[in-house]
Amino acid sequence: MGFARANARPYSVGASTNEMAIPLRDFTDSGEVNDSAHEHPLKVWIQPAHQPGEEEGVIAILPARMAVGSGRKKTALARAELHPGTGNITIQGLTIDRYFKGAPPKARRFFQRLLTLEPVAALLSHMEVQITIQGSSPKTTRQAKAAAHALARALMRYDPELTKVLKQAGFGGVRVKQRR
């Protein structure tokens, strides 16, 4: 049993046994367990008695873990979750345009500026983003800024190489001064 045949671990099963418990902690040293960006199938290879060859089957899938970030602007608190997906971004279950429909143009531009950064757009094209916001109103810049910072922080957790780009663009906290 394992994630790849080359690293499979042997387990003996009696002929009269219908089920067997194998703790997942036996696989904590596998690289697949620490890879949160992709899902990994846990497989079993069975060698039937008195028959040549072996059978392969997937018994579980280790899902890709989400990345979470939080952001705040005065009384607005936002939480962003990233999941592998199709590129949809929802805020309180609504599309960005629909949720921030009554927000000032400045607020919408701030959020769109994050989404149009080249490395962010490339990454988000295959992610699903769910943002929840508490406090303030969608008709203020507070919620848009809190949501943008929450998304930026989730992106930084998912891919730490984005940290410098996002901070230089003014997202995720302290702005990094550029050297000239």
N, C-alpha and C. Protein backbone atom coordinates (compact mmCIF):
# COMPACT_ATOMS: atom_id res chain seq x y z
N MET A 1 0.85 -1.16 0.00
CA MET A 1 0.00 0.00 0.00
C MET A 1 0.90 1.23 0.00
N GLY A 2 0.51 2.30 -0.71
CA GLY A 2 1.28 3.52 -0.74
C GLY A 2 0.78 4.46 -1.82
N PHE A 3 1.54 5.54 -2.03
CA PHE A 3 1.17 6.52 -3.05
C PHE A 3 1.79 6.18 -4.40
N ALA A 4 2.92 5.45 -4.38
CA ALA A 4 3.58 5.00 -5.60
C ALA A 4 4.05 3.57 -5.38
N ARG A 5 4.02 2.78 -6.44
CA ARG A 5 4.39 1.36 -6.32
C ARG A 5 5.81 1.20 -5.79
N ALA A 6 6.71 2.06 -6.22
CA ALA A 6 8.11 1.95 -5.82
C ALA A 6 8.30 2.11 -4.31
N ASN A 7 7.41 2.86 -3.67
CA ASN A 7 7.52 3.12 -2.23
C ASN A 7 6.44 2.41 -1.42
N ALA A 8 5.79 1.43 -2.01
CA ALA A 8 4.69 0.74 -1.34
C ALA A 8 5.19 0.00 -0.10
N ARG A 9 4.33 -0.08 0.91
CA ARG A 9 4.66 -0.79 2.14
C ARG A 9 3.85 -2.09 2.19
N PRO A 10 4.51 -3.17 2.56
CA PRO A 10 3.81 -4.46 2.58
C PRO A 10 2.97 -4.64 3.85
N TYR A 11 1.80 -5.19 3.68
CA TYR A 11 0.92 -5.57 4.79
C TYR A 11 0.40 -6.96 4.47
N SER A 12 0.43 -7.83 5.44
CA SER A 12 -0.07 -9.20 5.24
C SER A 12 -1.53 -9.26 5.63
N VAL A 13 -2.30 -9.95 4.81
CA VAL A 13 -3.73 -10.10 5.05
C VAL A 13 -4.04 -11.59 5.06
N GLY A 14 -4.76 -12.02 6.08
CA GLY A 14 -5.15 -13.42 6.16
C GLY A 14 -6.23 -13.75 5.14
N ALA A 15 -6.33 -14.98 4.77
CA ALA A 15 -7.30 -15.41 3.76
C ALA A 15 -8.73 -15.22 4.22
N SER A 16 -8.98 -15.30 5.51
CA SER A 16 -10.36 -15.16 6.00
C SER A 16 -10.69 -13.74 6.44
N THR A 17 -9.78 -12.79 6.26
CA THR A 17 -9.99 -11.40 6.68
C THR A 17 -10.73 -10.62 5.59
N ASN A 18 -11.83 -9.98 5.97
CA ASN A 18 -12.60 -9.17 5.03
C ASN A 18 -12.19 -7.71 5.05
N GLU A 19 -11.68 -7.26 6.17
CA GLU A 19 -11.25 -5.87 6.26
C GLU A 19 -10.00 -5.77 7.12
N MET A 20 -9.33 -4.62 6.94
CA MET A 20 -8.08 -4.41 7.65
C MET A 20 -7.92 -2.93 7.92
N ALA A 21 -7.50 -2.57 9.11
CA ALA A 21 -7.29 -1.17 9.47
C ALA A 21 -5.81 -0.84 9.36
N ILE A 22 -5.50 0.19 8.57
CA ILE A 22 -4.13 0.65 8.42
C ILE A 22 -4.13 2.14 8.74
N PRO A 23 -3.43 2.54 9.80
CA PRO A 23 -3.43 3.95 10.17
C PRO A 23 -2.68 4.82 9.15
N LEU A 24 -3.26 5.96 8.79
CA LEU A 24 -2.60 6.86 7.85
C LEU A 24 -1.31 7.43 8.41
N ARG A 25 -1.14 7.40 9.72
CA ARG A 25 0.10 7.91 10.30
C ARG A 25 1.31 7.10 9.84
N ASP A 26 1.08 5.89 9.32
CA ASP A 26 2.17 5.09 8.77
C ASP A 26 2.80 5.77 7.54
N PHE A 27 2.11 6.74 6.95
CA PHE A 27 2.59 7.36 5.73
C PHE A 27 2.98 8.83 5.91
N THR A 28 3.15 9.28 7.14
CA THR A 28 3.48 10.69 7.38
C THR A 28 4.86 11.07 6.86
N ASP A 29 5.72 10.10 6.61
CA ASP A 29 7.04 10.41 6.06
C ASP A 29 7.03 10.48 4.52
N SER A 30 5.91 10.24 3.90
CA SER A 30 5.80 10.31 2.43
C SER A 30 5.70 11.77 2.00
N GLY A 31 6.36 12.09 0.91
CA GLY A 31 6.32 13.46 0.38
C GLY A 31 4.92 13.89 -0.01
N GLU A 32 4.09 12.96 -0.42
CA GLU A 32 2.73 13.28 -0.85
C GLU A 32 1.90 13.86 0.29
N VAL A 33 2.15 13.42 1.51
CA VAL A 33 1.40 13.91 2.67
C VAL A 33 1.69 15.39 2.90
N ASN A 34 2.91 15.82 2.60
CA ASN A 34 3.30 17.23 2.82
C ASN A 34 3.03 18.11 1.62
N ASP A 35 2.62 17.55 0.49
CA ASP A 35 2.33 18.34 -0.70
C ASP A 35 0.87 18.77 -0.66
N SER A 36 0.64 20.01 -0.26
CA SER A 36 -0.74 20.48 -0.12
C SER A 36 -1.33 21.02 -1.41
N ALA A 37 -0.51 21.18 -2.43
CA ALA A 37 -1.00 21.78 -3.67
C ALA A 37 -1.76 20.81 -4.56
N HIS A 38 -1.55 19.51 -4.38
CA HIS A 38 -2.19 18.52 -5.26
C HIS A 38 -2.87 17.43 -4.43
N GLU A 39 -3.83 16.77 -5.06
CA GLU A 39 -4.42 15.61 -4.39
C GLU A 39 -3.62 14.37 -4.80
N HIS A 40 -3.56 13.40 -3.88
CA HIS A 40 -2.77 12.20 -4.12
C HIS A 40 -3.60 10.96 -3.80
N PRO A 41 -3.69 10.02 -4.76
CA PRO A 41 -4.42 8.78 -4.48
C PRO A 41 -3.56 7.81 -3.65
N LEU A 42 -4.15 7.26 -2.61
CA LEU A 42 -3.51 6.22 -1.82
C LEU A 42 -3.94 4.90 -2.44
N LYS A 43 -2.96 4.10 -2.86
CA LYS A 43 -3.27 2.90 -3.64
C LYS A 43 -2.91 1.64 -2.87
N VAL A 44 -3.53 0.57 -3.30
CA VAL A 44 -3.22 -0.74 -2.78
C VAL A 44 -2.92 -1.65 -3.96
N TRP A 45 -1.89 -2.49 -3.80
CA TRP A 45 -1.53 -3.47 -4.81
C TRP A 45 -1.72 -4.85 -4.17
N ILE A 46 -2.51 -5.67 -4.80
CA ILE A 46 -2.84 -6.99 -4.25
C ILE A 46 -2.30 -8.06 -5.19
N GLN A 47 -1.59 -9.01 -4.60
CA GLN A 47 -1.10 -10.15 -5.36
C GLN A 47 -1.97 -11.35 -5.01
N PRO A 48 -2.92 -11.69 -5.88
CA PRO A 48 -3.80 -12.82 -5.58
C PRO A 48 -3.00 -14.13 -5.49
N ALA A 49 -3.40 -14.96 -4.55
CA ALA A 49 -2.73 -16.26 -4.38
C ALA A 49 -2.91 -17.12 -5.62
N HIS A 50 -1.88 -17.77 -6.02
CA HIS A 50 -1.89 -18.72 -7.13
C HIS A 50 -2.23 -18.08 -8.48
N GLN A 51 -2.02 -16.78 -8.62
CA GLN A 51 -2.26 -16.11 -9.90
C GLN A 51 -1.08 -15.19 -10.19
N PRO A 52 -0.68 -15.09 -11.45
CA PRO A 52 0.42 -14.18 -11.79
C PRO A 52 -0.06 -12.73 -11.81
N GLY A 53 0.86 -11.81 -11.58
CA GLY A 53 0.53 -10.39 -11.65
C GLY A 53 -0.10 -9.87 -10.37
N GLU A 54 -0.53 -8.63 -10.43
CA GLU A 54 -1.16 -8.00 -9.27
C GLU A 54 -2.27 -7.06 -9.71
N GLU A 55 -3.16 -6.79 -8.80
CA GLU A 55 -4.26 -5.86 -9.04
C GLU A 55 -3.95 -4.56 -8.32
N GLU A 56 -4.34 -3.43 -8.92
CA GLU A 56 -4.12 -2.12 -8.32
C GLU A 56 -5.46 -1.44 -8.11
N GLY A 57 -5.60 -0.77 -6.99
CA GLY A 57 -6.83 -0.03 -6.73
C GLY A 57 -6.57 1.19 -5.86
N VAL A 58 -7.38 2.22 -6.04
CA VAL A 58 -7.29 3.42 -5.21
C VAL A 58 -8.26 3.23 -4.05
N ILE A 59 -7.74 3.37 -2.83
CA ILE A 59 -8.59 3.16 -1.66
C ILE A 59 -8.95 4.46 -0.96
N ALA A 60 -8.19 5.52 -1.23
CA ALA A 60 -8.48 6.84 -0.64
C ALA A 60 -7.76 7.89 -1.45
N ILE A 61 -8.25 9.11 -1.35
CA ILE A 61 -7.58 10.24 -2.02
C ILE A 61 -7.26 11.27 -0.95
N LEU A 62 -5.99 11.61 -0.86
CA LEU A 62 -5.55 12.67 0.05
C LEU A 62 -5.84 13.98 -0.66
N PRO A 63 -6.81 14.76 -0.20
CA PRO A 63 -7.20 15.96 -0.95
C PRO A 63 -6.16 17.08 -0.84
N ALA A 64 -6.17 17.95 -1.82
CA ALA A 64 -5.33 19.15 -1.73
C ALA A 64 -5.90 20.01 -0.62
N ARG A 65 -5.03 20.51 0.20
CA ARG A 65 -5.49 21.34 1.32
C ARG A 65 -5.70 22.77 0.86
N MET A 66 -6.60 23.42 1.50
CA MET A 66 -6.88 24.80 1.15
C MET A 66 -5.87 25.71 1.84
N ALA A 67 -5.76 26.90 1.33
CA ALA A 67 -4.98 27.95 1.97
C ALA A 67 -5.96 28.99 2.47
N VAL A 68 -5.73 29.51 3.66
CA VAL A 68 -6.64 30.47 4.27
C VAL A 68 -5.87 31.73 4.63
N GLY A 69 -6.51 32.87 4.42
CA GLY A 69 -5.92 34.15 4.80
C GLY A 69 -6.99 35.04 5.39
N SER A 70 -6.57 35.97 6.23
CA SER A 70 -7.53 36.90 6.80
C SER A 70 -7.04 38.32 6.58
N GLY A 71 -7.99 39.24 6.52
CA GLY A 71 -7.66 40.65 6.32
C GLY A 71 -8.62 41.52 7.10
N ARG A 72 -8.17 42.72 7.41
CA ARG A 72 -9.00 43.62 8.20
C ARG A 72 -8.76 45.04 7.73
N LYS A 73 -9.82 45.82 7.68
CA LYS A 73 -9.75 47.25 7.44
C LYS A 73 -10.79 47.88 8.35
N LYS A 74 -10.32 48.53 9.40
CA LYS A 74 -11.16 49.13 10.43
C LYS A 74 -12.14 48.10 10.99
N THR A 75 -13.44 48.22 10.71
CA THR A 75 -14.41 47.28 11.29
C THR A 75 -14.74 46.10 10.39
N ALA A 76 -14.17 46.05 9.20
CA ALA A 76 -14.44 44.95 8.27
C ALA A 76 -13.40 43.85 8.45
N LEU A 77 -13.88 42.63 8.66
CA LEU A 77 -13.02 41.46 8.79
C LEU A 77 -13.34 40.49 7.67
N ALA A 78 -12.32 40.01 6.96
CA ALA A 78 -12.53 39.09 5.84
C ALA A 78 -11.69 37.84 6.02
N ARG A 79 -12.21 36.75 5.48
CA ARG A 79 -11.50 35.46 5.48
C ARG A 79 -11.61 34.89 4.07
N ALA A 80 -10.46 34.54 3.49
CA ALA A 80 -10.42 33.98 2.14
C ALA A 80 -9.91 32.55 2.20
N GLU A 81 -10.58 31.67 1.46
CA GLU A 81 -10.17 30.27 1.37
C GLU A 81 -9.91 29.95 -0.10
N LEU A 82 -8.74 29.32 -0.35
CA LEU A 82 -8.38 28.88 -1.69
C LEU A 82 -8.50 27.36 -1.77
N HIS A 83 -9.15 26.89 -2.80
CA HIS A 83 -9.29 25.46 -3.07
C HIS A 83 -8.95 25.23 -4.54
N PRO A 84 -8.45 24.06 -4.90
CA PRO A 84 -8.30 23.77 -6.32
C PRO A 84 -9.68 23.86 -6.99
N GLY A 85 -9.73 24.44 -8.17
CA GLY A 85 -11.04 24.59 -8.83
C GLY A 85 -10.94 25.20 -10.20
N THR A 86 -11.99 25.95 -10.55
CA THR A 86 -12.16 26.43 -11.92
C THR A 86 -11.97 27.92 -12.12
N GLY A 87 -11.53 28.64 -11.10
CA GLY A 87 -11.31 30.07 -11.26
C GLY A 87 -12.43 30.95 -10.74
N ASN A 88 -13.44 30.38 -10.09
CA ASN A 88 -14.53 31.19 -9.56
C ASN A 88 -14.13 31.86 -8.25
N ILE A 89 -14.57 33.10 -8.10
CA ILE A 89 -14.35 33.84 -6.86
C ILE A 89 -15.71 34.30 -6.37
N THR A 90 -16.04 33.92 -5.14
CA THR A 90 -17.31 34.35 -4.55
C THR A 90 -17.08 35.05 -3.23
N ILE A 91 -17.91 36.04 -2.99
CA ILE A 91 -17.90 36.76 -1.71
C ILE A 91 -19.29 36.63 -1.13
N GLN A 92 -19.40 36.02 0.03
CA GLN A 92 -20.68 35.74 0.66
C GLN A 92 -21.60 34.98 -0.29
N GLY A 93 -21.02 34.16 -1.17
CA GLY A 93 -21.80 33.36 -2.12
C GLY A 93 -22.18 34.08 -3.40
N LEU A 94 -21.77 35.34 -3.55
CA LEU A 94 -22.08 36.11 -4.75
C LEU A 94 -20.81 36.39 -5.55
N THR A 95 -20.97 36.71 -6.83
CA THR A 95 -19.81 37.10 -7.63
C THR A 95 -19.28 38.43 -7.12
N ILE A 96 -18.05 38.75 -7.46
CA ILE A 96 -17.43 40.00 -7.01
C ILE A 96 -18.25 41.20 -7.47
N ASP A 97 -18.60 41.23 -8.75
CA ASP A 97 -19.35 42.37 -9.29
C ASP A 97 -20.69 42.54 -8.60
N ARG A 98 -21.33 41.43 -8.33
CA ARG A 98 -22.65 41.51 -7.70
C ARG A 98 -22.54 41.95 -6.23
N TYR A 99 -21.53 41.42 -5.53
CA TYR A 99 -21.39 41.76 -4.12
C TYR A 99 -20.98 43.23 -3.93
N PHE A 100 -20.03 43.69 -4.73
CA PHE A 100 -19.55 45.07 -4.59
C PHE A 100 -20.26 46.03 -5.54
N LYS A 101 -21.48 45.69 -5.93
CA LYS A 101 -22.25 46.50 -6.87
C LYS A 101 -22.39 47.96 -6.42
N GLY A 102 -22.66 48.17 -5.14
CA GLY A 102 -22.86 49.54 -4.64
C GLY A 102 -21.62 50.17 -4.04
N ALA A 103 -20.49 49.49 -4.13
CA ALA A 103 -19.25 50.02 -3.54
C ALA A 103 -18.69 51.15 -4.41
N PRO A 104 -17.93 52.04 -3.81
CA PRO A 104 -17.31 53.11 -4.59
C PRO A 104 -16.35 52.53 -5.64
N PRO A 105 -16.21 53.21 -6.77
CA PRO A 105 -15.31 52.71 -7.82
C PRO A 105 -13.88 52.48 -7.29
N LYS A 106 -13.45 53.32 -6.37
CA LYS A 106 -12.11 53.18 -5.79
C LYS A 106 -11.95 51.81 -5.12
N ALA A 107 -12.98 51.34 -4.45
CA ALA A 107 -12.94 50.05 -3.76
C ALA A 107 -12.86 48.90 -4.77
N ARG A 108 -13.68 48.97 -5.81
CA ARG A 108 -13.68 47.93 -6.84
C ARG A 108 -12.34 47.89 -7.57
N ARG A 109 -11.76 49.07 -7.86
CA ARG A 109 -10.46 49.13 -8.53
C ARG A 109 -9.36 48.52 -7.67
N PHE A 110 -9.43 48.74 -6.36
CA PHE A 110 -8.42 48.19 -5.45
C PHE A 110 -8.44 46.66 -5.52
N PHE A 111 -9.63 46.08 -5.45
CA PHE A 111 -9.75 44.63 -5.50
C PHE A 111 -9.33 44.09 -6.87
N GLN A 112 -9.75 44.77 -7.95
CA GLN A 112 -9.40 44.34 -9.30
C GLN A 112 -7.90 44.44 -9.55
N ARG A 113 -7.25 45.41 -8.92
CA ARG A 113 -5.80 45.55 -9.08
C ARG A 113 -5.08 44.29 -8.59
N LEU A 114 -5.56 43.71 -7.51
CA LEU A 114 -4.99 42.46 -7.01
C LEU A 114 -5.22 41.33 -8.02
N LEU A 115 -6.44 41.23 -8.52
CA LEU A 115 -6.79 40.14 -9.42
C LEU A 115 -6.08 40.21 -10.76
N THR A 116 -5.64 41.39 -11.16
CA THR A 116 -5.00 41.54 -12.47
C THR A 116 -3.48 41.45 -12.41
N LEU A 117 -2.90 41.30 -11.22
CA LEU A 117 -1.46 41.05 -11.15
C LEU A 117 -1.19 39.74 -11.87
N GLU A 118 -0.22 39.73 -12.77
CA GLU A 118 0.00 38.58 -13.64
C GLU A 118 0.16 37.24 -12.90
N PRO A 119 1.03 37.15 -11.89
CA PRO A 119 1.16 35.84 -11.22
C PRO A 119 -0.09 35.44 -10.44
N VAL A 120 -0.82 36.42 -9.95
CA VAL A 120 -2.07 36.14 -9.22
C VAL A 120 -3.13 35.62 -10.17
N ALA A 121 -3.29 36.29 -11.31
CA ALA A 121 -4.28 35.86 -12.29
C ALA A 121 -3.99 34.44 -12.78
N ALA A 122 -2.72 34.13 -13.00
CA ALA A 122 -2.35 32.78 -13.46
C ALA A 122 -2.70 31.73 -12.42
N LEU A 123 -2.42 32.01 -11.16
CA LEU A 123 -2.70 31.05 -10.10
C LEU A 123 -4.20 30.90 -9.87
N LEU A 124 -4.91 32.03 -9.84
CA LEU A 124 -6.36 31.98 -9.56
C LEU A 124 -7.16 31.34 -10.68
N SER A 125 -6.58 31.21 -11.87
CA SER A 125 -7.33 30.60 -12.97
C SER A 125 -7.63 29.13 -12.71
N HIS A 126 -6.90 28.50 -11.81
CA HIS A 126 -7.19 27.10 -11.48
C HIS A 126 -7.46 26.92 -9.98
N MET A 127 -7.98 27.99 -9.35
CA MET A 127 -8.34 27.93 -7.94
C MET A 127 -9.80 28.37 -7.78
N GLU A 128 -10.37 27.95 -6.69
CA GLU A 128 -11.71 28.36 -6.29
C GLU A 128 -11.52 29.23 -5.05
N VAL A 129 -12.07 30.43 -5.03
CA VAL A 129 -11.89 31.34 -3.90
C VAL A 129 -13.24 31.63 -3.27
N GLN A 130 -13.30 31.46 -1.95
CA GLN A 130 -14.51 31.79 -1.19
C GLN A 130 -14.11 32.79 -0.12
N ILE A 131 -14.75 33.95 -0.16
CA ILE A 131 -14.45 35.00 0.81
C ILE A 131 -15.69 35.28 1.64
N THR A 132 -15.50 35.35 2.94
CA THR A 132 -16.58 35.75 3.85
C THR A 132 -16.14 37.03 4.55
N ILE A 133 -17.09 37.95 4.73
CA ILE A 133 -16.78 39.24 5.34
C ILE A 133 -17.79 39.53 6.45
N GLN A 134 -17.27 40.08 7.53
CA GLN A 134 -18.12 40.53 8.64
C GLN A 134 -17.80 41.99 8.92
N GLY A 135 -18.81 42.71 9.35
CA GLY A 135 -18.60 44.11 9.74
C GLY A 135 -18.63 45.05 8.56
N SER A 136 -18.86 46.32 8.85
CA SER A 136 -18.93 47.39 7.87
C SER A 136 -20.03 47.10 6.85
N SER A 137 -19.88 47.62 5.64
CA SER A 137 -20.90 47.48 4.61
C SER A 137 -20.23 47.27 3.25
N PRO A 138 -20.87 46.52 2.35
CA PRO A 138 -20.29 46.35 1.02
C PRO A 138 -20.26 47.65 0.22
N LYS A 139 -20.91 48.66 0.72
CA LYS A 139 -20.95 49.95 0.02
C LYS A 139 -19.81 50.88 0.45
N THR A 140 -18.86 50.35 1.21
CA THR A 140 -17.69 51.12 1.64
C THR A 140 -16.43 50.49 1.07
N THR A 141 -15.33 51.21 1.16
CA THR A 141 -14.05 50.65 0.71
C THR A 141 -13.49 49.67 1.74
N ARG A 142 -13.98 49.70 2.95
CA ARG A 142 -13.45 48.85 4.01
C ARG A 142 -13.54 47.37 3.66
N GLN A 143 -14.72 46.93 3.22
CA GLN A 143 -14.89 45.50 2.91
C GLN A 143 -14.02 45.08 1.72
N ALA A 144 -13.93 45.91 0.71
CA ALA A 144 -13.12 45.56 -0.46
C ALA A 144 -11.65 45.43 -0.07
N LYS A 145 -11.17 46.35 0.75
CA LYS A 145 -9.77 46.28 1.17
C LYS A 145 -9.52 45.08 2.08
N ALA A 146 -10.44 44.81 2.99
CA ALA A 146 -10.28 43.64 3.87
C ALA A 146 -10.29 42.36 3.04
N ALA A 147 -11.18 42.26 2.05
CA ALA A 147 -11.26 41.07 1.20
C ALA A 147 -9.99 40.91 0.36
N ALA A 148 -9.48 42.01 -0.19
CA ALA A 148 -8.26 41.95 -0.99
C ALA A 148 -7.07 41.50 -0.15
N HIS A 149 -6.95 42.03 1.04
CA HIS A 149 -5.84 41.64 1.91
C HIS A 149 -5.97 40.19 2.37
N ALA A 150 -7.18 39.73 2.63
CA ALA A 150 -7.39 38.33 3.01
C ALA A 150 -6.99 37.41 1.86
N LEU A 151 -7.38 37.76 0.66
CA LEU A 151 -7.02 36.95 -0.51
C LEU A 151 -5.51 36.97 -0.72
N ALA A 152 -4.89 38.13 -0.58
CA ALA A 152 -3.43 38.22 -0.75
C ALA A 152 -2.71 37.35 0.27
N ARG A 153 -3.17 37.35 1.49
CA ARG A 153 -2.52 36.53 2.52
C ARG A 153 -2.73 35.04 2.27
N ALA A 154 -3.90 34.66 1.77
CA ALA A 154 -4.13 33.25 1.42
C ALA A 154 -3.20 32.85 0.27
N LEU A 155 -3.03 33.74 -0.70
CA LEU A 155 -2.13 33.46 -1.82
C LEU A 155 -0.68 33.31 -1.34
N MET A 156 -0.28 34.14 -0.39
CA MET A 156 1.08 34.05 0.15
C MET A 156 1.30 32.74 0.90
N ARG A 157 0.26 32.27 1.57
CA ARG A 157 0.37 30.98 2.26
C ARG A 157 0.44 29.83 1.26
N TYR A 158 -0.34 29.96 0.20
CA TYR A 158 -0.36 28.90 -0.81
C TYR A 158 0.95 28.85 -1.58
N ASP A 159 1.46 30.01 -1.98
CA ASP A 159 2.70 30.09 -2.73
C ASP A 159 3.56 31.21 -2.16
N PRO A 160 4.47 30.90 -1.25
CA PRO A 160 5.29 31.93 -0.60
C PRO A 160 6.10 32.78 -1.57
N GLU A 161 6.34 32.30 -2.79
CA GLU A 161 7.09 33.10 -3.76
C GLU A 161 6.31 34.34 -4.22
N LEU A 162 5.01 34.38 -3.98
CA LEU A 162 4.20 35.54 -4.34
C LEU A 162 4.32 36.68 -3.31
N THR A 163 4.88 36.40 -2.16
CA THR A 163 4.92 37.37 -1.07
C THR A 163 5.52 38.70 -1.50
N LYS A 164 6.70 38.68 -2.10
CA LYS A 164 7.37 39.92 -2.49
C LYS A 164 6.54 40.71 -3.49
N VAL A 165 6.00 40.02 -4.50
CA VAL A 165 5.19 40.68 -5.53
C VAL A 165 3.97 41.34 -4.91
N LEU A 166 3.28 40.61 -4.03
CA LEU A 166 2.06 41.14 -3.42
C LEU A 166 2.35 42.30 -2.48
N LYS A 167 3.38 42.19 -1.70
CA LYS A 167 3.70 43.28 -0.77
C LYS A 167 4.16 44.52 -1.53
N GLN A 168 4.91 44.34 -2.61
CA GLN A 168 5.32 45.50 -3.40
C GLN A 168 4.13 46.18 -4.06
N ALA A 169 3.09 45.41 -4.34
CA ALA A 169 1.89 45.97 -4.96
C ALA A 169 0.96 46.58 -3.91
N GLY A 170 1.31 46.44 -2.61
CA GLY A 170 0.51 47.06 -1.55
C GLY A 170 -0.50 46.15 -0.91
N PHE A 171 -0.34 44.83 -1.08
CA PHE A 171 -1.28 43.88 -0.51
C PHE A 171 -0.60 43.04 0.56
N GLY A 172 -1.38 42.61 1.52
CA GLY A 172 -0.86 41.69 2.52
C GLY A 172 -0.10 42.34 3.65
N GLY A 173 -0.26 43.61 3.85
CA GLY A 173 0.40 44.23 5.00
C GLY A 173 1.32 45.36 4.59
N VAL A 174 2.50 45.37 5.17
CA VAL A 174 3.45 46.46 5.01
C VAL A 174 3.95 46.51 3.57
N ARG A 175 3.99 47.71 3.04
CA ARG A 175 4.50 47.90 1.68
C ARG A 175 6.02 47.83 1.73
N VAL A 176 6.59 47.11 0.78
CA VAL A 176 8.04 47.00 0.68
C VAL A 176 8.54 48.11 -0.23
N LYS A 177 9.52 48.89 0.27
CA LYS A 177 10.06 49.97 -0.55
C LYS A 177 10.92 49.39 -1.66
N GLN A 178 10.74 49.93 -2.84
CA GLN A 178 11.54 49.48 -3.97
C GLN A 178 12.81 50.30 -4.04
N ARG A 179 13.92 49.62 -4.32
CA ARG A 179 15.20 50.34 -4.49
C ARG A 179 15.28 50.84 -5.91
N ARG A 180 15.84 51.99 -6.03
CA ARG A 180 15.96 52.59 -7.37
C ARG A 180 17.37 52.52 -7.86
